[in-house]
Amino acid sequence: METEVQAHWLGHSAFKLVSPKGNHILVDPFLKNNGVTPDDWKEPEEVDYIFLTHGHEDHVGDTLEIAERTGCEVVAPVELSRILVGKHGLGEDQATEFNKGGTVHYDDFSVTLVSANHSSSFNGDYTGEPGGLVFSFEDDICIYHLGDTNIFTDLELYGQMYVPHLTLVPMGDHYTMGPQEAAYAVEMLNPEVAIPIHYGTFPVLTGDPEDFKTFVEDISDTEVWIPEPGDNFLA
């Protein structure tokens, strides 16, 4: 039987992943105040892990409430993790910190923190540098969540090293890459599939996913999927 990873895009940069052994993983769970997140995803009940790319409120989102309610593990860049524990009540026994180049290992997946070119703060506190997340599962399934970023040349190296099957690419413009820049980032990574994220949530995020799809497919062999919030798909 082939390994399968279930994935749901929950709007903005938020994703729910379910590993082959049934581990429930949230990434950047900005849900309750996210106008495009479906109502039945606003308060997820089954959560084993939360992974955060950086400290901005539209990425940390509902992490603290979910962690308190479910007892899940929260994995974040070191400075952000310490701020959440020291100032915002995250249980120390629930917090796992790591830094760029570091990998955390679980029973059927691992996650590596890689670079992103952005900024990071939470409620006015500096929370270190932002990152992207490379999820590696059995049978060489690799999902790369770029976090918030613009284009940078390390992406070509990441494509060679991690060989991502699926990339989750911010392209809403203003705070991250727009569609054309994001398309060139995809070309460097050379994944099988790219999914546009971080667009349409707020009026200022004007990047059009259809423009992104056109740019990507004009310059690469990568297929672009544009899911609706809440859609389930397999990686």
Protein backbone atom coordinates (compact mmCIF):
# COMPACT_ATOMS: atom_id res chain seq x y z
CA MET A 1 0.00 0.00 0.00
CA GLU A 2 1.33 3.44 -0.89
CA THR A 3 1.92 5.94 1.89
CA GLU A 4 -0.60 8.78 1.92
CA VAL A 5 -0.62 12.08 3.80
CA GLN A 6 -3.97 13.79 4.14
CA ALA A 7 -3.89 17.58 3.84
CA HIS A 8 -6.50 20.30 4.30
CA TRP A 9 -5.92 23.95 3.47
CA LEU A 10 -7.78 25.97 6.11
CA GLY A 11 -7.32 29.41 4.57
CA HIS A 12 -4.43 31.90 4.67
CA SER A 13 -1.33 29.85 5.67
CA ALA A 14 -3.10 27.35 7.92
CA PHE A 15 -2.97 23.64 7.12
CA LYS A 16 -4.06 20.42 8.76
CA LEU A 17 -1.94 17.37 7.91
CA VAL A 18 -2.63 13.79 8.98
CA SER A 19 0.39 11.51 8.84
CA PRO A 20 0.23 7.89 7.65
CA LYS A 21 0.05 6.68 11.27
CA GLY A 22 -2.68 9.17 12.15
CA ASN A 23 -0.76 12.01 13.77
CA HIS A 24 -2.82 15.20 13.48
CA ILE A 25 -0.67 18.22 12.66
CA LEU A 26 -1.64 21.89 12.42
CA VAL A 27 0.56 24.49 10.73
CA ASP A 28 0.12 28.22 11.50
CA PRO A 29 -3.43 27.77 12.88
CA PHE A 30 -4.95 31.21 12.30
CA LEU A 31 -8.56 30.01 12.34
CA LYS A 32 -11.16 31.76 14.53
CA ASN A 33 -10.49 35.25 13.18
CA ASN A 34 -9.78 34.05 9.66
CA GLY A 35 -12.73 35.04 7.53
CA VAL A 36 -12.12 32.30 4.95
CA THR A 37 -11.71 29.37 7.35
CA PRO A 38 -14.83 27.17 7.24
CA ASP A 39 -16.84 27.21 10.47
CA ASP A 40 -16.31 23.49 11.11
CA TRP A 41 -12.53 24.08 11.19
CA LYS A 42 -12.55 27.04 13.60
CA GLU A 43 -12.00 24.87 16.70
CA PRO A 44 -10.26 21.62 15.76
CA GLU A 45 -10.59 18.95 18.43
CA GLU A 46 -8.06 16.34 17.34
CA VAL A 47 -4.58 17.90 17.38
CA ASP A 48 -1.30 16.22 18.30
CA TYR A 49 1.18 18.84 17.08
CA ILE A 50 1.22 22.50 16.09
CA PHE A 51 4.12 23.80 14.01
CA LEU A 52 4.71 27.55 13.65
CA THR A 53 6.74 29.29 10.96
CA HIS A 54 7.03 32.64 12.79
CA GLY A 55 5.43 34.90 15.35
CA HIS A 56 3.02 37.11 13.47
CA GLU A 57 -0.53 36.94 14.82
CA ASP A 58 -1.94 35.66 11.51
CA HIS A 59 0.27 32.59 11.92
CA VAL A 60 0.37 31.95 15.67
CA GLY A 61 -3.38 32.49 15.52
CA ASP A 62 -5.22 30.18 17.93
CA THR A 63 -2.15 28.21 19.02
CA LEU A 64 -2.41 29.01 22.73
CA GLU A 65 -6.11 28.18 23.00
CA ILE A 66 -5.75 24.97 21.01
CA ALA A 67 -2.73 23.88 23.05
CA GLU A 68 -4.56 24.49 26.33
CA ARG A 69 -7.66 22.65 25.14
CA THR A 70 -5.97 19.63 23.52
CA GLY A 71 -2.63 19.32 25.34
CA CYS A 72 -0.82 19.15 21.99
CA GLU A 73 2.89 19.77 21.45
CA VAL A 74 3.82 23.19 20.01
CA VAL A 75 6.98 23.30 17.89
CA ALA A 76 8.37 26.73 17.01
CA PRO A 77 11.59 28.67 16.38
CA VAL A 78 13.47 29.06 19.65
CA GLU A 79 12.78 32.73 20.44
CA LEU A 80 9.09 32.42 19.60
CA SER A 81 8.78 29.28 21.70
CA ARG A 82 10.33 30.98 24.72
CA ILE A 83 8.06 34.03 24.37
CA LEU A 84 4.97 31.81 24.22
CA VAL A 85 6.09 29.94 27.34
CA GLY A 86 7.48 32.87 29.31
CA LYS A 87 4.83 35.51 28.58
CA HIS A 88 1.72 33.83 27.23
CA GLY A 89 1.16 30.74 29.33
CA LEU A 90 2.11 27.91 26.98
CA GLY A 91 2.98 24.93 29.13
CA GLU A 92 6.71 24.32 29.20
CA ASP A 93 6.11 20.59 28.87
CA GLN A 94 4.19 21.25 25.64
CA ALA A 95 6.84 23.45 24.02
CA THR A 96 9.54 22.21 21.65
CA GLU A 97 11.98 24.73 20.24
CA PHE A 98 14.34 24.34 17.30
CA ASN A 99 16.38 26.49 14.97
CA LYS A 100 17.32 26.69 11.31
CA GLY A 101 18.90 23.55 9.96
CA GLY A 102 17.56 21.57 12.91
CA THR A 103 15.22 18.60 12.56
CA VAL A 104 12.72 17.19 15.04
CA HIS A 105 11.81 13.52 14.66
CA TYR A 106 8.54 11.72 15.41
CA ASP A 107 7.33 8.17 14.85
CA ASP A 108 6.41 8.52 11.18
CA PHE A 109 7.57 11.99 10.15
CA SER A 110 10.27 14.58 10.73
CA VAL A 111 10.33 18.35 10.29
CA THR A 112 13.28 20.57 9.40
CA LEU A 113 13.29 24.32 9.99
CA VAL A 114 14.75 26.15 6.98
CA SER A 115 15.20 29.79 6.08
CA ALA A 116 12.52 32.30 5.11
CA ASN A 117 13.10 35.93 4.22
CA HIS A 118 10.61 37.90 6.32
CA SER A 119 10.26 39.24 9.89
CA SER A 120 8.83 37.87 13.14
CA SER A 121 7.21 39.36 16.25
CA PHE A 122 4.33 38.53 18.57
CA ASN A 123 2.35 41.12 20.54
CA GLY A 124 5.22 43.59 20.17
CA ASP A 125 7.99 41.16 21.18
CA TYR A 126 10.74 40.20 18.77
CA THR A 127 10.54 36.46 18.18
CA GLY A 128 13.72 35.69 16.24
CA GLU A 129 13.93 34.92 12.56
CA PRO A 130 11.10 33.36 10.56
CA GLY A 131 11.39 29.98 8.91
CA GLY A 132 9.92 27.50 6.50
CA LEU A 133 8.99 23.93 7.42
CA VAL A 134 10.02 20.81 5.51
CA PHE A 135 7.84 17.83 6.47
CA SER A 136 9.32 14.44 5.55
CA PHE A 137 7.13 11.35 5.67
CA GLU A 138 7.57 7.70 4.71
CA ASP A 139 8.15 6.74 1.08
CA ASP A 140 9.96 10.03 0.40
CA ILE A 141 6.82 12.16 0.65
CA CYS A 142 7.99 15.71 1.33
CA ILE A 143 5.77 18.76 1.93
CA TYR A 144 7.49 22.15 2.12
CA HIS A 145 5.57 25.02 3.74
CA LEU A 146 7.52 28.15 2.82
CA GLY A 147 6.05 30.27 5.64
CA ASP A 148 6.04 33.98 4.79
CA THR A 149 8.90 34.88 2.49
CA ASN A 150 10.12 36.55 -0.64
CA ILE A 151 12.33 34.81 -3.18
CA PHE A 152 15.90 33.86 -2.22
CA THR A 153 18.46 31.68 -3.93
CA ASP A 154 18.68 29.03 -1.18
CA LEU A 155 15.40 27.69 -2.55
CA GLU A 156 17.26 26.05 -5.40
CA LEU A 157 19.45 24.19 -2.91
CA TYR A 158 16.40 23.19 -0.84
CA GLY A 159 14.83 21.76 -3.97
CA GLN A 160 17.91 19.63 -4.59
CA MET A 161 18.27 18.52 -0.96
CA TYR A 162 14.70 17.79 0.06
CA VAL A 163 13.06 17.11 -3.34
CA PRO A 164 9.64 18.34 -2.22
CA HIS A 165 6.61 16.69 -3.75
CA LEU A 166 4.23 19.42 -2.60
CA THR A 167 5.06 23.08 -1.88
CA LEU A 168 2.80 25.57 -0.09
CA VAL A 169 3.75 28.97 -1.49
CA PRO A 170 2.78 32.46 -0.25
CA MET A 171 1.83 34.67 -3.19
CA GLY A 172 -0.63 37.30 -1.92
CA ASP A 173 1.83 40.22 -2.32
CA HIS A 174 2.34 43.21 0.03
CA TYR A 175 3.69 41.16 2.96
CA THR A 176 5.12 38.26 0.91
CA MET A 177 5.89 37.43 -2.68
CA GLY A 178 3.36 38.26 -5.36
CA PRO A 179 2.33 35.73 -8.03
CA GLN A 180 5.23 36.22 -10.45
CA GLU A 181 7.99 36.21 -7.83
CA ALA A 182 6.38 33.18 -6.19
CA ALA A 183 6.34 31.40 -9.56
CA TYR A 184 10.10 31.86 -9.93
CA ALA A 185 10.52 30.50 -6.39
CA VAL A 186 8.59 27.41 -7.48
CA GLU A 187 10.79 27.06 -10.55
CA MET A 188 13.86 26.91 -8.30
CA LEU A 189 12.27 24.31 -6.02
CA ASN A 190 10.93 22.20 -8.91
CA PRO A 191 8.19 20.34 -6.99
CA GLU A 192 5.56 18.16 -8.56
CA VAL A 193 2.74 20.31 -7.17
CA ALA A 194 2.50 23.88 -5.84
CA ILE A 195 -0.42 25.27 -3.84
CA PRO A 196 -0.83 29.06 -3.46
CA ILE A 197 -1.41 30.38 0.07
CA HIS A 198 -1.46 33.68 2.02
CA TYR A 199 -3.81 35.49 -0.34
CA GLY A 200 -7.30 36.94 -0.23
CA THR A 201 -7.62 36.92 3.57
CA PHE A 202 -7.34 40.70 3.84
CA PRO A 203 -7.98 43.34 1.15
CA VAL A 204 -4.28 44.22 0.96
CA LEU A 205 -3.39 40.65 -0.14
CA THR A 206 -4.27 41.16 -3.78
CA GLY A 207 -2.24 38.38 -5.40
CA ASP A 208 -4.43 36.26 -7.68
CA PRO A 209 -3.90 32.47 -7.52
CA GLU A 210 -4.92 32.13 -11.17
CA ASP A 211 -2.10 34.52 -12.12
CA PHE A 212 0.25 32.40 -10.01
CA LYS A 213 -0.91 29.25 -11.80
CA THR A 214 -0.33 30.85 -15.21
CA PHE A 215 3.15 32.12 -14.28
CA VAL A 216 4.20 28.73 -12.81
CA GLU A 217 2.95 26.67 -15.71
CA ASP A 218 4.57 29.04 -18.22
CA ILE A 219 8.07 28.58 -16.76
CA SER A 220 8.08 25.10 -15.19
CA ASP A 221 6.63 21.60 -15.28
CA THR A 222 5.06 22.02 -11.82
CA GLU A 223 1.31 21.49 -11.55
CA VAL A 224 -0.64 24.09 -9.57
CA TRP A 225 -3.63 23.14 -7.42
CA ILE A 226 -5.95 25.87 -6.11
CA PRO A 227 -8.05 24.30 -3.34
CA GLU A 228 -11.01 25.86 -1.59
CA PRO A 229 -10.61 26.39 2.18
CA GLY A 230 -11.34 23.11 3.94
CA ASP A 231 -10.67 20.95 0.88
CA ASN A 232 -9.05 17.59 1.55
CA PHE A 233 -6.37 16.27 -0.77
CA LEU A 234 -3.69 13.59 -0.62
CA ALA A 235 0.06 14.13 -0.91
